[in-house]
Protein backbone atom coordinates (compact mmCIF):
# COMPACT_ATOMS: atom_id res chain seq x y z
CA UNK A 1 107.58 134.06 119.79
CA UNK A 2 108.27 137.79 120.26
CA UNK A 3 106.77 138.80 116.89
CA UNK A 4 110.15 139.48 115.27
CA UNK A 5 111.45 137.09 112.61
CA UNK A 6 114.76 135.45 113.49
CA UNK A 7 117.57 134.23 111.23
CA UNK A 8 119.47 130.94 110.83
CA UNK A 9 122.95 131.31 109.33
CA UNK A 10 125.21 128.43 108.29
CA UNK A 11 128.99 128.60 108.70
CA UNK A 12 130.13 125.47 106.92
CA UNK A 13 133.86 126.04 107.56
CA UNK A 14 133.41 126.35 111.35
CA UNK A 15 136.08 124.36 113.19
CA UNK A 16 134.30 123.84 116.53
CA UNK A 17 135.02 120.23 117.50
CA UNK A 18 137.18 119.56 114.44
CA UNK A 19 138.25 120.88 111.04
CA UNK A 20 135.45 122.16 108.76
CA UNK A 21 132.69 120.36 110.65
CA UNK A 22 130.45 123.41 110.28
CA UNK A 23 127.89 125.13 112.47
CA UNK A 24 124.54 126.86 112.43
CA UNK A 25 123.85 130.16 114.20
CA UNK A 26 120.32 130.99 115.32
CA UNK A 27 120.18 134.78 115.56
CA UNK A 28 117.33 136.24 117.58
CA UNK A 29 116.63 139.67 116.09
CA UNK A 30 115.38 143.01 117.39
CA UNK A 31 112.88 145.16 115.47
CA UNK A 32 115.67 147.58 114.47
CA UNK A 33 117.63 144.80 112.71
CA UNK A 34 120.21 144.38 115.44
CA UNK A 35 120.93 140.98 116.97
CA UNK A 36 119.46 140.36 120.43
CA UNK A 37 121.28 137.04 121.00
CA UNK A 38 122.83 134.12 119.13
CA UNK A 39 122.83 130.36 119.70
CA UNK A 40 125.47 128.23 117.93
CA UNK A 41 124.59 124.66 116.93
CA UNK A 42 127.53 122.37 116.11
CA UNK A 43 128.78 118.83 116.71
CA UNK A 44 128.99 119.40 120.47
CA UNK A 45 125.40 120.69 120.81
CA UNK A 46 123.10 118.57 122.98
CA UNK A 47 120.64 116.72 120.67
CA UNK A 48 122.39 118.31 117.68
CA UNK A 49 124.03 116.79 114.63
CA UNK A 50 126.75 114.14 114.74
CA UNK A 51 129.52 115.58 112.57
CA UNK A 52 132.98 114.56 111.41
CA UNK A 53 135.83 116.64 110.01
CA UNK A 54 135.06 118.19 106.61
CA UNK A 55 131.27 117.52 106.70
CA UNK A 56 130.58 121.22 105.94
CA UNK A 57 127.36 121.29 107.98
CA UNK A 58 125.59 124.59 107.31
CA UNK A 59 126.31 124.82 103.58
CA UNK A 60 122.53 125.10 103.12
CA UNK A 61 119.73 125.98 105.54
CA UNK A 62 115.94 126.09 105.18
CA UNK A 63 113.04 126.80 107.50
CA UNK A 64 110.80 123.76 106.95
CA UNK A 65 107.92 124.99 109.07
CA UNK A 66 106.59 123.17 112.11
CA UNK A 67 107.19 119.60 110.91
CA UNK A 68 106.43 117.91 114.25
CA UNK A 69 103.43 120.06 115.20
CA UNK A 70 104.84 121.44 118.50
CA UNK A 71 104.34 125.10 117.55
CA UNK A 72 108.04 125.78 116.79
CA UNK A 73 109.50 126.02 113.28
CA UNK A 74 112.04 123.33 112.42
CA UNK A 75 115.16 123.58 110.24
CA UNK A 76 116.81 121.47 107.53
CA UNK A 77 120.61 121.83 107.28
CA UNK A 78 122.85 120.38 104.57
CA UNK A 79 126.26 118.77 105.12
CA UNK A 80 127.29 118.07 101.54
CA UNK A 81 130.66 116.43 102.27
CA UNK A 82 129.25 113.98 104.86
CA UNK A 83 130.83 110.54 104.39
CA UNK A 84 128.17 108.28 105.93
CA UNK A 85 127.80 105.43 103.47
CA UNK A 86 130.66 106.58 101.23
CA UNK A 87 132.96 109.45 100.31
CA UNK A 88 131.30 112.88 100.01
CA UNK A 89 127.80 111.47 99.48
CA UNK A 90 126.31 114.19 101.69
CA UNK A 91 123.52 114.38 104.25
CA UNK A 92 120.63 116.51 105.42
CA UNK A 93 119.93 117.12 109.10
CA UNK A 94 116.33 117.71 110.17
CA UNK A 95 116.54 119.69 113.39
CA UNK A 96 113.51 119.88 115.64
CA UNK A 97 113.89 123.17 117.49
CA UNK A 98 112.90 124.64 120.86
CA UNK A 99 111.83 128.28 121.28
CA UNK A 100 115.16 129.19 122.93
CA UNK A 101 117.18 128.04 119.89
CA UNK A 102 118.25 124.77 121.45
CA UNK A 103 117.75 121.52 119.57
CA UNK A 104 115.06 119.11 120.73
CA UNK A 105 116.26 116.32 118.40
CA UNK A 106 118.02 115.77 115.07
CA UNK A 107 117.34 113.26 112.30
CA UNK A 108 120.05 112.67 109.69
CA UNK A 109 118.94 111.80 106.16
CA UNK A 110 121.51 110.13 103.93
CA UNK A 111 121.70 107.23 101.48
CA UNK A 112 121.08 104.68 104.25
CA UNK A 113 117.79 106.35 105.24
CA UNK A 114 114.70 104.22 104.62
CA UNK A 115 112.86 105.69 101.59
CA UNK A 116 115.60 108.31 101.31
CA UNK A 117 117.87 109.28 98.43
CA UNK A 118 119.99 106.80 96.49
CA UNK A 119 123.48 108.27 96.46
CA UNK A 120 126.95 107.34 95.26
CA UNK A 121 130.37 108.70 96.18
CA UNK A 122 130.87 112.42 95.44
CA UNK A 123 127.13 113.21 94.86
CA UNK A 124 127.26 115.98 97.52
CA UNK A 125 123.63 115.69 98.57
CA UNK A 126 122.63 118.62 100.78
CA UNK A 127 124.39 121.37 98.82
CA UNK A 128 121.00 123.12 98.66
CA UNK A 129 117.68 122.64 100.44
CA UNK A 130 114.26 124.24 100.09
CA UNK A 131 110.89 123.93 101.78
CA UNK A 132 108.48 123.20 98.91
CA UNK A 133 105.32 123.18 101.02
CA UNK A 134 102.92 120.27 101.22
CA UNK A 135 103.39 118.93 97.69
CA UNK A 136 101.50 115.66 98.21
CA UNK A 137 98.63 117.10 100.28
CA UNK A 138 99.18 115.00 103.42
CA UNK A 139 99.48 117.99 105.77
CA UNK A 140 103.29 117.78 106.13
CA UNK A 141 105.77 120.10 104.36
CA UNK A 142 108.04 118.42 101.84
CA UNK A 143 111.65 119.25 100.94
CA UNK A 144 113.76 119.58 97.78
CA UNK A 145 117.46 118.76 98.24
CA UNK A 146 120.22 119.32 95.67
CA UNK A 147 123.01 116.86 94.88
CA UNK A 148 125.09 118.90 92.47
CA UNK A 149 127.52 116.18 91.39
CA UNK A 150 124.99 113.33 91.01
CA UNK A 151 125.88 111.14 88.01
CA UNK A 152 122.37 110.01 87.02
CA UNK A 153 122.18 110.52 83.24
CA UNK A 154 125.86 111.43 82.90
CA UNK A 155 128.94 112.53 84.79
CA UNK A 156 128.29 115.25 87.41
CA UNK A 157 124.97 116.38 85.89
CA UNK A 158 123.41 116.88 89.33
CA UNK A 159 119.97 116.05 90.66
CA UNK A 160 117.19 117.30 92.88
CA UNK A 161 115.70 114.90 95.41
CA UNK A 162 112.06 115.64 96.24
CA UNK A 163 111.53 114.17 99.69
CA UNK A 164 108.02 113.58 100.96
CA UNK A 165 108.36 113.96 104.72
CA UNK A 166 106.70 112.52 107.82
CA UNK A 167 106.18 114.51 111.04
CA UNK A 168 108.96 112.58 112.83
CA UNK A 169 111.60 113.60 110.25
CA UNK A 170 111.55 110.26 108.46
CA UNK A 171 111.10 110.12 104.71
CA UNK A 172 107.87 108.73 103.27
CA UNK A 173 109.31 108.57 99.74
CA UNK A 174 111.86 110.26 97.48
CA UNK A 175 111.74 111.17 93.80
CA UNK A 176 115.01 112.03 92.02
CA UNK A 177 114.81 114.57 89.24
């Protein structure tokens, strides 16, 4: 809230807490482009993501706007080797942020998420993520998430999952393209 845009940087090979779990660095910037301070978010962060070895959290990062309406921008972070539900299916972590860079809460989206993506082993959902604005006009920003090895239509052709979001980080519906 100091009028200077800040940066979120993923380090998907970060070993804090275990091998290649990944991390996210919130960098608070000065007007001259120098870094004022940095907050690291990893598997040991209070209210942060639950990660395992080789999840590669931080491979993709997107500002998704103020999803929960508390006045603070929230972040979506990919972990494309996450194994919840099966080998290397991938996951996306919706992180509700506080103004000091700490995490208020985290919601993981994977193939077991109600109304979420349908994934199979090695899809690698979360390799990319983008805020696509309020596509369905319900007042909540929606998200596009890449799964670069998705087999729909043929071996490893890839897919984009358009996820229509709710303010609590749950998924209203998903369309696979």
